[in-house]
């Protein structure tokens, strides 16, 4: 098993580095020469919980082990971590998920806090890759399980943070305010390159720094040498609770390969939701031998998906009577996105079973579209062990629920994707989802997330940043509100404007503006008199921008 895990780790590094070569500013990749940090359309609640907005942000694994060759790692089966990053005008946000079999609930070493279970963040506001720290460089540390209100704490950061224990370790969420960042308010700016590194230390009983894992380097001298940091770029492209799926910018060849330039507009999204009730050993599987990410695009003829699944054992179509018990990818769509609790004519579930192809006879895969599979094999030194597979899929418009009406800009679509792993005689060893941990998506479309089909030629924030900065959606007032509130927005030139309101499930509940507005500041009133208390999102589409903010209705 350990050798298989080595294959998996090496493969992940090779695969990600290879896929990143096609990346552009629009693509968020797990590991590339620059980490793309998306702008938060709404601020996450700092509570250690994976808010919906985090689900559309790539989870980046920490795969560099400080000062260790791979074969001398004590146990990465018991210690692994991933992080996500976002920014807005006020904060840099980080969300870290840690797998750790032996957490230290009592901090044993206040004189040397780096020897404890801790997370460290390294920043260089100027990113000049100097070999010594200056006023633009910082190292901060958060020691598990301290909180901001703790007295006598040895965590060194003054921001807002929270821990949440999980069945396999803990989550850690941080908001670092602009006035604490090196460079202050200038740090948080579009297109800024910053020096960045993050590490996670594991203590086991009286063994300090049993392992320390990093995102970028395996050198333990980051505390004194910022030239060892990686680079992150703050981009204008927004992360949103409603995931944007962008229109393809050229033709797509369905061959199971991420051809250069084909998928540049599509963000990589990781599946980290484990289908409910799995025991500890099954939860650990998602970090070791089963990890999946996907990309999605659309054009006038097809919905496209590219899924990369890493798995230490592919069993093939073992159980034809119960195809969901095989290694498979499932996609769930609701063309109307009405969040009903039962399937109707607008809802579908499709399944692709490895290693079937469209031409196979007697196939048990459930979709008519065009798809291709490519194995990721023959890693040097490991005898060609099968450790990964790509699925590339084009679902034609006539097969989509809603047909030709499905593929149109501004359409909200109910969406979910899952990845099932079989191990020998163990069906559904683990099932990963993008949006939910509930295994009843096959009969309940209210469990789906929501995607928005975007034509970026009309609404591309990144191509016109100066124009986008002149459009402004302000925070509603009052907030919280009952039952009505004012929403103010500005447009620099005469523009077509659409102002809409969505509930937490991504359903549109109100259209406040849909028409041309003259240059200047405008105000709209939203009434929630017939709605339930809770969080709502309001979205401005105007000119070349999309902006989203959060508001709270309290009755």
Protein backbone atom coordinates (compact mmCIF):
# COMPACT_ATOMS: atom_id res chain seq x y z
CA UNK A 1 0.00 0.00 0.00
CA UNK A 2 2.84 2.39 0.82
CA UNK A 3 4.34 1.91 -2.65
CA UNK A 4 0.96 2.64 -4.21
CA UNK A 5 0.73 5.81 -2.18
CA UNK A 6 4.19 6.87 -3.38
CA UNK A 7 2.99 6.36 -6.94
CA UNK A 8 -0.06 8.47 -6.20
CA UNK A 9 1.93 11.35 -4.72
CA UNK A 10 4.49 11.37 -7.53
CA UNK A 11 1.77 11.08 -10.12
CA UNK A 12 -0.15 13.98 -8.63
CA UNK A 13 2.91 16.21 -8.83
CA UNK A 14 3.69 15.13 -12.42
CA UNK A 15 0.09 15.35 -13.56
CA UNK A 16 -0.56 18.76 -12.08
CA UNK A 17 2.69 20.21 -13.33
CA UNK A 18 1.87 18.89 -16.83
CA UNK A 19 -1.69 20.19 -16.89
CA UNK A 20 -0.56 23.60 -15.67
CA UNK A 21 1.51 24.23 -18.79
CA UNK A 22 -1.65 25.13 -20.66
CA UNK A 23 -2.76 27.58 -17.97
CA UNK A 24 -3.48 31.26 -18.47
CA UNK A 25 -4.63 34.00 -16.18
CA UNK A 26 -8.16 32.65 -16.48
CA UNK A 27 -7.27 29.16 -15.25
CA UNK A 28 -6.83 28.25 -11.63
CA UNK A 29 -4.47 25.30 -11.38
CA UNK A 30 -3.42 23.28 -8.37
CA UNK A 31 0.30 23.63 -8.92
CA UNK A 32 1.86 26.01 -11.46
CA UNK A 33 4.47 28.72 -11.58
CA UNK A 34 1.85 31.07 -10.09
CA UNK A 35 -1.09 30.21 -7.87
CA UNK A 36 -4.21 32.02 -9.09
CA UNK A 37 -6.12 33.45 -6.09
CA UNK A 38 -9.72 34.26 -6.98
CA UNK A 39 -11.60 37.28 -5.65
CA UNK A 40 -14.38 36.47 -3.16
CA UNK A 41 -17.78 37.63 -4.42
CA UNK A 42 -19.01 37.38 -0.81
CA UNK A 43 -16.96 37.17 2.35
CA UNK A 44 -16.94 33.71 3.95
CA UNK A 45 -18.05 33.32 7.55
CA UNK A 46 -14.95 32.55 9.62
CA UNK A 47 -16.14 29.48 11.49
CA UNK A 48 -14.04 26.58 10.17
CA UNK A 49 -16.95 25.38 8.03
CA UNK A 50 -16.73 24.97 4.25
CA UNK A 51 -19.17 27.71 3.14
CA UNK A 52 -20.68 27.29 -0.35
CA UNK A 53 -18.32 29.89 -1.81
CA UNK A 54 -15.29 27.74 -0.87
CA UNK A 55 -16.62 24.79 -2.90
CA UNK A 56 -15.82 26.55 -6.17
CA UNK A 57 -12.23 27.32 -5.11
CA UNK A 58 -9.52 24.79 -5.95
CA UNK A 59 -8.20 22.85 -2.96
CA UNK A 60 -4.42 22.74 -3.28
CA UNK A 61 -2.56 19.80 -1.69
CA UNK A 62 0.60 20.34 0.34
CA UNK A 63 2.91 17.69 -1.13
CA UNK A 64 6.40 18.94 -0.25
CA UNK A 65 7.79 17.29 2.87
CA UNK A 66 10.29 19.39 4.79
CA UNK A 67 13.77 17.93 4.80
CA UNK A 68 12.68 14.40 3.92
CA UNK A 69 13.05 12.18 0.91
CA UNK A 70 9.77 10.54 -0.02
CA UNK A 71 10.84 7.11 1.25
CA UNK A 72 11.69 8.47 4.71
CA UNK A 73 8.29 10.02 5.42
CA UNK A 74 7.13 8.59 8.73
CA UNK A 75 3.46 8.39 7.80
CA UNK A 76 1.65 10.58 5.34
CA UNK A 77 -1.25 8.18 5.79
CA UNK A 78 -1.76 10.00 9.10
CA UNK A 79 -0.87 13.55 8.10
CA UNK A 80 -1.99 15.39 5.00
CA UNK A 81 -3.37 18.85 4.25
CA UNK A 82 -5.00 20.96 1.54
CA UNK A 83 -5.68 24.69 1.43
CA UNK A 84 -7.85 27.16 -0.46
CA UNK A 85 -7.24 30.91 -0.88
CA UNK A 86 -9.39 33.95 -1.78
CA UNK A 87 -9.15 37.73 -1.39
CA UNK A 88 -11.30 40.85 -1.39
CA UNK A 89 -10.71 44.52 -0.62
CA UNK A 90 -10.58 43.86 3.11
CA UNK A 91 -8.98 40.45 3.72
CA UNK A 92 -6.87 37.58 2.49
CA UNK A 93 -8.79 34.37 3.24
CA UNK A 94 -7.39 30.87 3.76
CA UNK A 95 -9.16 27.59 4.44
CA UNK A 96 -7.02 24.60 5.45
CA UNK A 97 -8.21 20.98 5.79
CA UNK A 98 -5.89 18.78 7.83
CA UNK A 99 -5.88 14.98 8.13
CA UNK A 100 -4.04 14.00 11.30
CA UNK A 101 -4.44 10.84 13.35
CA UNK A 102 -2.88 12.25 16.55
CA UNK A 103 -3.85 15.81 17.40
CA UNK A 104 -2.33 17.46 20.43
CA UNK A 105 -5.27 18.90 22.35
CA UNK A 106 -2.88 20.36 24.94
CA UNK A 107 -0.06 22.56 23.68
CA UNK A 108 3.12 21.01 25.08
CA UNK A 109 5.84 23.41 23.99
CA UNK A 110 5.22 27.13 24.45
CA UNK A 111 8.92 27.91 24.17
CA UNK A 112 9.11 26.37 20.67
CA UNK A 113 5.59 26.64 19.18
CA UNK A 114 6.78 25.54 15.73
CA UNK A 115 7.21 22.07 17.24
CA UNK A 116 3.45 21.75 17.80
CA UNK A 117 0.52 20.96 15.52
CA UNK A 118 0.41 24.26 13.67
CA UNK A 119 -0.16 26.09 10.40
CA UNK A 120 2.35 28.69 9.18
CA UNK A 121 1.84 31.27 6.44
CA UNK A 122 4.67 33.18 4.77
CA UNK A 123 4.06 36.36 2.75
CA UNK A 124 6.24 38.78 0.79
CA UNK A 125 4.23 41.79 -0.29
CA UNK A 126 6.82 42.82 -2.89
CA UNK A 127 7.67 39.29 -4.07
CA UNK A 128 11.25 40.30 -4.81
CA UNK A 129 12.62 36.84 -3.91
CA UNK A 130 15.28 38.28 -1.63
CA UNK A 131 17.28 35.92 0.56
CA UNK A 132 16.59 37.85 3.80
CA UNK A 133 13.40 39.19 5.38
CA UNK A 134 12.61 42.89 5.04
CA UNK A 135 9.59 45.02 6.04
CA UNK A 136 7.50 43.41 3.28
CA UNK A 137 8.02 39.84 4.56
CA UNK A 138 6.18 38.08 7.40
CA UNK A 139 5.82 34.65 8.92
CA UNK A 140 2.74 33.92 11.02
CA UNK A 141 1.85 30.84 12.98
CA UNK A 142 -1.41 29.44 14.33
CA UNK A 143 -1.07 26.66 16.92
CA UNK A 144 -3.84 24.09 17.26
CA UNK A 145 -6.32 24.47 18.98
CA UNK A 146 -5.87 28.10 20.08
CA UNK A 147 -8.47 30.73 19.27
CA UNK A 148 -8.23 34.55 19.13
CA UNK A 149 -9.80 34.91 22.59
CA UNK A 150 -7.34 32.54 24.28
CA UNK A 151 -5.14 34.13 26.94
CA UNK A 152 -1.45 33.41 26.92
CA UNK A 153 -1.67 32.22 23.35
CA UNK A 154 1.43 31.51 21.31
CA UNK A 155 -0.24 31.89 17.94
CA UNK A 156 1.29 35.04 16.47
CA UNK A 157 -1.51 36.35 14.24
CA UNK A 158 -4.06 39.02 15.24
CA UNK A 159 -6.65 38.35 12.53
CA UNK A 160 -9.90 36.41 12.77
CA UNK A 161 -9.60 32.63 12.71
CA UNK A 162 -11.47 29.50 13.77
CA UNK A 163 -10.87 25.78 14.18
CA UNK A 164 -13.41 23.01 13.67
CA UNK A 165 -12.58 19.42 14.58
CA UNK A 166 -13.48 16.80 11.97
CA UNK A 167 -13.60 12.96 12.11
CA UNK A 168 -10.11 12.86 10.55
CA UNK A 169 -8.42 16.00 11.90
CA UNK A 170 -9.45 19.64 11.76
CA UNK A 171 -10.38 22.56 9.52
CA UNK A 172 -8.79 25.96 9.95
CA UNK A 173 -10.20 29.19 8.47
CA UNK A 174 -8.49 32.57 8.52
CA UNK A 175 -9.27 36.16 7.50
CA UNK A 176 -6.10 38.28 7.52
CA UNK A 177 -7.15 41.96 7.40
CA UNK A 178 -5.57 44.38 4.96
CA UNK A 179 -3.98 46.56 7.65
CA UNK A 180 -2.04 43.55 9.00
CA UNK A 181 -0.71 42.42 5.62
CA UNK A 182 2.81 43.40 4.52
CA UNK A 183 2.22 46.42 2.34
CA UNK A 184 -1.15 47.11 3.98
CA UNK A 185 -3.94 48.16 1.67
CA UNK A 186 -1.65 47.95 -1.36
CA UNK A 187 -1.30 44.21 -0.81
CA UNK A 188 -4.89 43.48 -1.83
CA UNK A 189 -4.95 44.64 -5.42
CA UNK A 190 -5.92 43.06 -8.70
CA UNK A 191 -3.01 41.49 -10.62
CA UNK A 192 -0.69 41.81 -7.59
CA UNK A 193 2.02 39.16 -7.43
CA UNK A 194 2.90 38.22 -3.85
CA UNK A 195 5.42 35.83 -2.38
CA UNK A 196 3.44 33.03 -0.71
CA UNK A 197 4.03 29.78 1.14
CA UNK A 198 1.99 27.73 3.58
CA UNK A 199 3.02 24.79 5.75
CA UNK A 200 1.42 22.40 8.23
CA UNK A 201 3.38 20.88 11.11
CA UNK A 202 2.48 17.64 12.87
CA UNK A 203 3.55 16.72 16.37
CA UNK A 204 3.06 13.19 17.66
CA UNK A 205 3.28 12.73 21.44
CA UNK A 206 6.78 13.88 22.36
CA UNK A 207 8.08 13.83 18.77
CA UNK A 208 8.29 17.48 17.64
CA UNK A 209 7.89 18.20 13.93
CA UNK A 210 7.18 14.59 13.15
CA UNK A 211 6.43 15.84 9.65
CA UNK A 212 6.17 19.35 8.19
CA UNK A 213 4.50 19.61 4.80
CA UNK A 214 4.60 22.65 2.50
CA UNK A 215 2.85 23.81 -0.64
CA UNK A 216 5.92 25.06 -2.48
CA UNK A 217 9.24 23.94 -0.97
CA UNK A 218 10.74 21.12 1.07
CA UNK A 219 13.32 23.48 2.58
CA UNK A 220 12.81 24.24 6.27
CA UNK A 221 14.45 27.69 6.06
CA UNK A 222 11.41 29.66 4.89
CA UNK A 223 11.41 31.42 8.28
CA UNK A 224 14.54 33.33 7.22
CA UNK A 225 14.69 33.09 3.41
CA UNK A 226 11.74 34.48 1.37
CA UNK A 227 13.40 33.44 -1.90
CA UNK A 228 12.02 29.98 -1.06
CA UNK A 229 8.40 31.18 -1.26
CA UNK A 230 6.22 30.43 -4.26
CA UNK A 231 4.22 33.14 -6.05
CA UNK A 232 0.50 33.87 -5.90
CA UNK A 233 -1.39 36.28 -8.16
CA UNK A 234 -4.55 38.05 -7.00
CA UNK A 235 -6.95 37.92 -9.96
CA UNK A 236 -10.23 39.70 -10.62
CA UNK A 237 -12.08 36.54 -11.56
CA UNK A 238 -14.62 35.85 -8.83
CA UNK A 239 -15.34 32.80 -6.74
CA UNK A 240 -19.05 32.56 -6.08
CA UNK A 241 -21.51 30.26 -4.29
CA UNK A 242 -23.02 29.89 -7.77
CA UNK A 243 -20.18 28.45 -9.85
CA UNK A 244 -19.52 30.25 -13.14
CA UNK A 245 -19.13 27.93 -16.14
CA UNK A 246 -17.60 29.82 -19.05
CA UNK A 247 -18.19 29.52 -22.78
CA UNK A 248 -15.45 27.66 -24.68
CA UNK A 249 -13.26 29.93 -26.79
CA UNK A 250 -12.56 27.41 -29.57
CA UNK A 251 -13.21 23.89 -30.73
CA UNK A 252 -12.80 20.97 -28.31
CA UNK A 253 -11.39 17.59 -29.33
CA UNK A 254 -12.76 14.78 -27.19
CA UNK A 255 -9.68 12.62 -26.70
CA UNK A 256 -9.12 12.43 -22.93
CA UNK A 257 -6.26 14.92 -23.16
CA UNK A 258 -6.16 18.52 -22.00
CA UNK A 259 -4.92 19.91 -25.30
CA UNK A 260 -3.06 23.22 -25.21
CA UNK A 261 -5.46 26.16 -25.06
CA UNK A 262 -8.66 24.09 -25.05
CA UNK A 263 -9.55 24.34 -21.37
CA UNK A 264 -7.95 27.68 -20.45
CA UNK A 265 -11.26 29.33 -19.52
CA UNK A 266 -12.28 26.53 -17.14
CA UNK A 267 -11.29 26.60 -13.48
CA UNK A 268 -10.21 23.37 -11.86
CA UNK A 269 -12.61 22.42 -9.05
CA UNK A 270 -11.86 19.70 -6.51
CA UNK A 271 -14.37 17.18 -5.17
CA UNK A 272 -13.89 17.12 -1.40
CA UNK A 273 -17.34 16.21 -0.15
CA UNK A 274 -17.34 12.58 1.05
CA UNK A 275 -20.67 10.80 0.68
CA UNK A 276 -22.20 10.48 4.12
CA UNK A 277 -21.44 8.22 7.01
CA UNK A 278 -18.11 6.87 5.87
CA UNK A 279 -15.91 5.49 8.66
CA UNK A 280 -12.52 6.97 9.42
CA UNK A 281 -10.58 4.57 7.20
CA UNK A 282 -12.79 5.41 4.23
CA UNK A 283 -12.46 9.15 4.81
CA UNK A 284 -8.68 8.79 4.75
CA UNK A 285 -8.94 7.19 1.32
CA UNK A 286 -9.77 10.53 -0.30
CA UNK A 287 -6.31 11.84 0.54
CA UNK A 288 -4.38 8.71 -0.36
CA UNK A 289 -5.63 6.80 -3.37
CA UNK A 290 -8.79 8.53 -4.58
CA UNK A 291 -8.76 12.22 -5.48
CA UNK A 292 -10.83 13.81 -8.25
CA UNK A 293 -11.13 17.24 -9.84
CA UNK A 294 -13.19 18.53 -12.76
CA UNK A 295 -13.51 21.39 -15.23
CA UNK A 296 -16.68 22.46 -17.07
CA UNK A 297 -17.35 24.58 -20.19
CA UNK A 298 -20.14 25.07 -22.71
CA UNK A 299 -20.77 26.32 -26.24
CA UNK A 300 -23.81 26.53 -28.51
CA UNK A 301 -23.72 22.77 -29.15
CA UNK A 302 -22.40 20.98 -26.05
CA UNK A 303 -21.79 20.96 -22.32
CA UNK A 304 -18.18 19.84 -21.75
CA UNK A 305 -16.60 18.17 -18.73
CA UNK A 306 -13.01 17.14 -18.11
CA UNK A 307 -12.57 14.94 -15.04
CA UNK A 308 -9.22 13.80 -13.64
CA UNK A 309 -9.45 10.90 -11.21
CA UNK A 310 -6.44 9.59 -9.29
CA UNK A 311 -6.95 6.15 -7.81
CA UNK A 312 -4.47 3.47 -6.75
CA UNK A 313 -6.67 0.67 -8.12
CA UNK A 314 -9.04 0.71 -11.11
CA UNK A 315 -11.25 -2.36 -11.13
CA UNK A 316 -13.11 -1.90 -14.42
CA UNK A 317 -16.77 -2.82 -14.90
CA UNK A 318 -16.96 -5.53 -12.23
CA UNK A 319 -20.64 -5.33 -11.32
CA UNK A 320 -22.83 -4.83 -14.39
CA UNK A 321 -26.02 -5.36 -12.41
CA UNK A 322 -25.19 -2.40 -10.11
CA UNK A 323 -23.02 -0.07 -12.22
CA UNK A 324 -22.87 2.57 -9.50
CA UNK A 325 -20.72 0.14 -7.49
CA UNK A 326 -17.92 0.39 -10.08
CA UNK A 327 -15.24 3.01 -10.71
CA UNK A 328 -17.44 5.64 -12.30
CA UNK A 329 -18.22 9.32 -12.81
CA UNK A 330 -21.79 10.56 -12.35
CA UNK A 331 -23.27 13.87 -13.46
CA UNK A 332 -26.59 15.29 -12.26
CA UNK A 333 -28.42 18.11 -14.07
CA UNK A 334 -31.63 20.05 -13.49
CA UNK A 335 -32.35 22.26 -16.49
CA UNK A 336 -34.88 24.37 -14.57
CA UNK A 337 -32.96 24.44 -11.27
CA UNK A 338 -36.17 24.60 -9.27
CA UNK A 339 -34.68 22.60 -6.35
CA UNK A 340 -37.59 20.18 -6.26
CA UNK A 341 -37.25 17.10 -4.06
CA UNK A 342 -38.22 14.65 -6.84
CA UNK A 343 -36.99 14.21 -10.41
CA UNK A 344 -39.09 15.61 -13.23
CA UNK A 345 -38.55 15.88 -17.00
CA UNK A 346 -35.90 18.56 -16.47
CA UNK A 347 -33.70 16.36 -14.23
CA UNK A 348 -31.23 13.69 -15.31
CA UNK A 349 -28.53 11.48 -13.82
CA UNK A 350 -25.88 10.06 -16.14
CA UNK A 351 -23.07 7.63 -15.39
CA UNK A 352 -19.81 6.75 -17.13
CA UNK A 353 -18.26 3.45 -15.98
CA UNK A 354 -14.55 2.90 -16.38
CA UNK A 355 -13.20 1.72 -18.85
CA UNK A 356 -16.16 1.73 -21.24
CA UNK A 357 -16.16 3.78 -24.43
CA UNK A 358 -19.06 5.01 -26.60
CA UNK A 359 -18.47 2.19 -29.12
CA UNK A 360 -18.65 -0.59 -26.53
CA UNK A 361 -21.46 -3.12 -26.97
CA UNK A 362 -23.50 -4.04 -23.94
CA UNK A 363 -22.27 -0.94 -22.16
CA UNK A 364 -23.69 0.05 -18.78
CA UNK A 365 -22.69 3.71 -18.96
CA UNK A 366 -25.88 5.75 -19.17
CA UNK A 367 -25.04 8.63 -21.54
CA UNK A 368 -25.28 8.89 -25.36
CA UNK A 369 -22.79 11.73 -25.81
CA UNK A 370 -19.19 11.64 -26.98
CA UNK A 371 -16.56 10.75 -24.41
CA UNK A 372 -13.01 9.48 -24.20
CA UNK A 373 -10.87 7.91 -21.49
CA UNK A 374 -7.13 8.13 -21.14
CA UNK A 375 -5.13 6.26 -18.53
CA UNK A 376 -2.29 7.98 -16.74
CA UNK A 377 0.28 5.19 -16.58
CA UNK A 378 3.94 4.17 -16.79
CA UNK A 379 5.38 6.50 -14.19
CA UNK A 380 9.18 5.99 -14.41
CA UNK A 381 10.50 3.54 -11.82
CA UNK A 382 7.12 2.09 -10.88
CA UNK A 383 6.55 -0.51 -13.60
CA UNK A 384 3.61 1.11 -15.36
CA UNK A 385 1.16 0.86 -12.45
CA UNK A 386 -2.23 2.31 -13.38
CA UNK A 387 -2.81 5.24 -11.07
CA UNK A 388 -5.02 7.74 -12.85
CA UNK A 389 -7.57 8.32 -15.59
CA UNK A 390 -8.96 11.32 -17.48
CA UNK A 391 -12.57 11.47 -18.67
CA UNK A 392 -13.40 14.07 -21.33
CA UNK A 393 -17.07 14.39 -22.21
CA UNK A 394 -19.22 16.40 -24.65
CA UNK A 395 -22.96 16.22 -23.90
CA UNK A 396 -24.87 17.46 -26.97
CA UNK A 397 -27.66 19.97 -26.60
CA UNK A 398 -30.35 17.57 -27.82
CA UNK A 399 -29.58 15.22 -24.91
CA UNK A 400 -29.56 17.93 -22.24
CA UNK A 401 -32.67 18.48 -20.10
CA UNK A 402 -34.33 21.43 -21.78
CA UNK A 403 -32.53 20.74 -25.05
CA UNK A 404 -31.59 23.83 -27.04
CA UNK A 405 -32.75 26.15 -24.25
CA UNK A 406 -30.20 24.68 -21.82
CA UNK A 407 -27.13 26.19 -23.50
CA UNK A 408 -27.62 29.93 -23.15
CA UNK A 409 -25.79 32.70 -21.31
CA UNK A 410 -27.17 33.60 -17.87
CA UNK A 411 -28.93 30.24 -17.45
CA UNK A 412 -28.88 28.84 -13.92
CA UNK A 413 -28.63 25.05 -13.94
CA UNK A 414 -28.83 22.55 -11.11
CA UNK A 415 -25.57 20.61 -11.16
CA UNK A 416 -23.64 17.97 -9.26
CA UNK A 417 -20.77 15.64 -10.17
CA UNK A 418 -19.50 12.64 -8.22
CA UNK A 419 -16.67 10.14 -8.45
CA UNK A 420 -17.00 6.56 -7.16
CA UNK A 421 -14.07 4.30 -6.32
CA UNK A 422 -14.22 0.52 -6.10
CA UNK A 423 -11.47 -1.55 -4.46
CA UNK A 424 -11.59 -5.28 -5.23
CA UNK A 425 -14.73 -6.68 -3.70
CA UNK A 426 -15.45 -3.43 -1.82
CA UNK A 427 -18.06 -1.46 -3.82
CA UNK A 428 -18.20 2.29 -3.31
CA UNK A 429 -15.05 2.28 -1.20
CA UNK A 430 -15.39 6.04 -1.34
CA UNK A 431 -17.71 8.40 -3.24
CA UNK A 432 -16.67 12.03 -3.65
CA UNK A 433 -18.99 14.88 -4.61
CA UNK A 434 -18.52 18.53 -5.54
CA UNK A 435 -21.47 19.92 -3.63
CA UNK A 436 -23.09 17.53 -1.16
CA UNK A 437 -22.28 14.72 1.26
CA UNK A 438 -25.74 13.19 0.79
CA UNK A 439 -25.86 10.02 -1.31
CA UNK A 440 -29.48 10.58 -2.41
CA UNK A 441 -28.75 12.85 -5.38
CA UNK A 442 -30.05 10.06 -7.66
CA UNK A 443 -33.58 10.80 -6.45
CA UNK A 444 -33.48 14.30 -4.92
CA UNK A 445 -32.39 17.23 -7.15
CA UNK A 446 -32.73 19.71 -4.28
CA UNK A 447 -29.32 18.40 -3.20
CA UNK A 448 -27.61 19.69 -6.37
CA UNK A 449 -25.49 22.82 -6.40
CA UNK A 450 -25.97 25.58 -8.99
CA UNK A 451 -23.90 26.67 -11.98
CA UNK A 452 -24.31 29.82 -14.06
CA UNK A 453 -23.52 29.67 -17.79
CA UNK A 454 -21.41 32.74 -18.59
CA UNK A 455 -20.45 34.14 -22.00
CA UNK A 456 -17.24 35.90 -21.03
CA UNK A 457 -17.10 37.82 -24.31
CA UNK A 458 -19.96 39.85 -22.84
CA UNK A 459 -19.18 39.64 -19.11
CA UNK A 460 -15.45 39.11 -18.64
CA UNK A 461 -14.16 41.02 -15.62
CA UNK A 462 -10.55 40.21 -16.34
CA UNK A 463 -10.26 41.61 -19.86
CA UNK A 464 -11.34 45.12 -18.85
CA UNK A 465 -10.19 45.60 -15.25
CA UNK A 466 -10.17 49.42 -15.43
CA UNK A 467 -13.75 49.48 -16.69
CA UNK A 468 -14.80 46.86 -14.15
CA UNK A 469 -13.36 48.94 -11.31
CA UNK A 470 -15.65 51.83 -12.27
CA UNK A 471 -18.78 49.70 -11.94
CA UNK A 472 -19.77 49.32 -8.30
CA UNK A 473 -22.31 47.29 -6.41
CA UNK A 474 -22.61 48.61 -2.88
CA UNK A 475 -23.62 46.75 0.27
CA UNK A 476 -27.36 46.90 0.82
CA UNK A 477 -28.74 49.09 3.60
CA UNK A 478 -30.01 48.27 6.10
CA UNK A 479 -28.39 44.88 6.55
CA UNK A 480 -29.73 42.74 8.19
CA UNK A 481 -33.16 43.94 7.02
CA UNK A 482 -36.87 43.29 7.59
CA UNK A 483 -38.68 43.21 5.28
CA UNK A 484 -37.09 45.59 2.71
CA UNK A 485 -33.68 47.02 1.91
CA UNK A 486 -32.04 49.44 -0.57
CA UNK A 487 -29.44 48.28 -3.09
CA UNK A 488 -27.26 50.95 -4.70
CA UNK A 489 -25.14 50.47 -7.81
CA UNK A 490 -23.16 52.69 -10.19
CA UNK A 491 -22.43 52.46 -13.92
CA UNK A 492 -19.85 54.73 -15.62
CA UNK A 493 -21.57 54.74 -19.03
CA UNK A 494 -25.03 53.97 -20.37
CA UNK A 495 -25.25 50.22 -19.89
CA UNK A 496 -27.58 47.26 -19.99
CA UNK A 497 -28.12 46.31 -16.34
CA UNK A 498 -29.52 43.19 -14.71
CA UNK A 499 -29.89 43.11 -10.92
CA UNK A 500 -31.15 39.83 -9.45
CA UNK A 501 -31.54 38.14 -6.06
CA UNK A 502 -30.85 34.46 -5.28
CA UNK A 503 -31.45 32.30 -2.24
CA UNK A 504 -28.77 30.13 -0.63
CA UNK A 505 -29.65 27.26 -2.99
CA UNK A 506 -28.93 29.40 -6.04
CA UNK A 507 -32.57 29.86 -7.05
CA UNK A 508 -33.50 33.27 -8.46
CA UNK A 509 -36.14 34.81 -6.21
CA UNK A 510 -36.35 38.34 -7.67
CA UNK A 511 -35.33 40.35 -10.72
CA UNK A 512 -35.04 43.98 -9.63
CA UNK A 513 -33.61 45.54 -12.79
CA UNK A 514 -33.42 44.34 -16.39
CA UNK A 515 -32.83 47.11 -18.88
CA UNK A 516 -30.64 50.01 -19.97
CA UNK A 517 -29.58 52.54 -17.35
CA UNK A 518 -27.82 55.88 -17.85
CA UNK A 519 -24.39 56.59 -16.39
CA UNK A 520 -24.57 57.43 -12.69
CA UNK A 521 -25.71 55.98 -9.37
CA UNK A 522 -29.00 54.12 -9.11
CA UNK A 523 -31.02 52.57 -6.31
CA UNK A 524 -33.35 49.56 -6.22
CA UNK A 525 -35.57 48.30 -3.42
CA UNK A 526 -35.83 44.63 -2.54
CA UNK A 527 -38.68 43.35 -0.40
CA UNK A 528 -38.50 39.98 1.34
CA UNK A 529 -42.00 40.08 2.80
CA UNK A 530 -42.91 36.72 1.22
CA UNK A 531 -39.56 35.04 1.83
CA UNK A 532 -38.11 33.10 4.75
CA UNK A 533 -35.40 34.49 6.99
CA UNK A 534 -31.88 33.67 5.86
CA UNK A 535 -28.94 34.59 3.65
CA UNK A 536 -29.60 35.89 0.14
CA UNK A 537 -27.22 36.95 -2.64
CA UNK A 538 -27.74 39.87 -5.01
CA UNK A 539 -25.91 40.01 -8.33
CA UNK A 540 -25.21 42.93 -10.66
CA UNK A 541 -24.51 42.23 -14.35
CA UNK A 542 -23.63 45.45 -16.20
CA UNK A 543 -21.27 46.30 -19.02
CA UNK A 544 -18.38 43.89 -18.69
CA UNK A 545 -18.72 42.87 -15.04
CA UNK A 546 -20.54 40.56 -12.68
CA UNK A 547 -20.53 41.44 -8.97
CA UNK A 548 -22.25 39.58 -6.14
CA UNK A 549 -22.83 40.47 -2.50
CA UNK A 550 -24.52 38.82 0.48
CA UNK A 551 -27.38 40.15 2.61
CA UNK A 552 -29.37 38.80 5.56
CA UNK A 553 -33.14 38.82 5.98
CA UNK A 554 -34.20 38.56 9.64
CA UNK A 555 -37.90 38.43 10.50
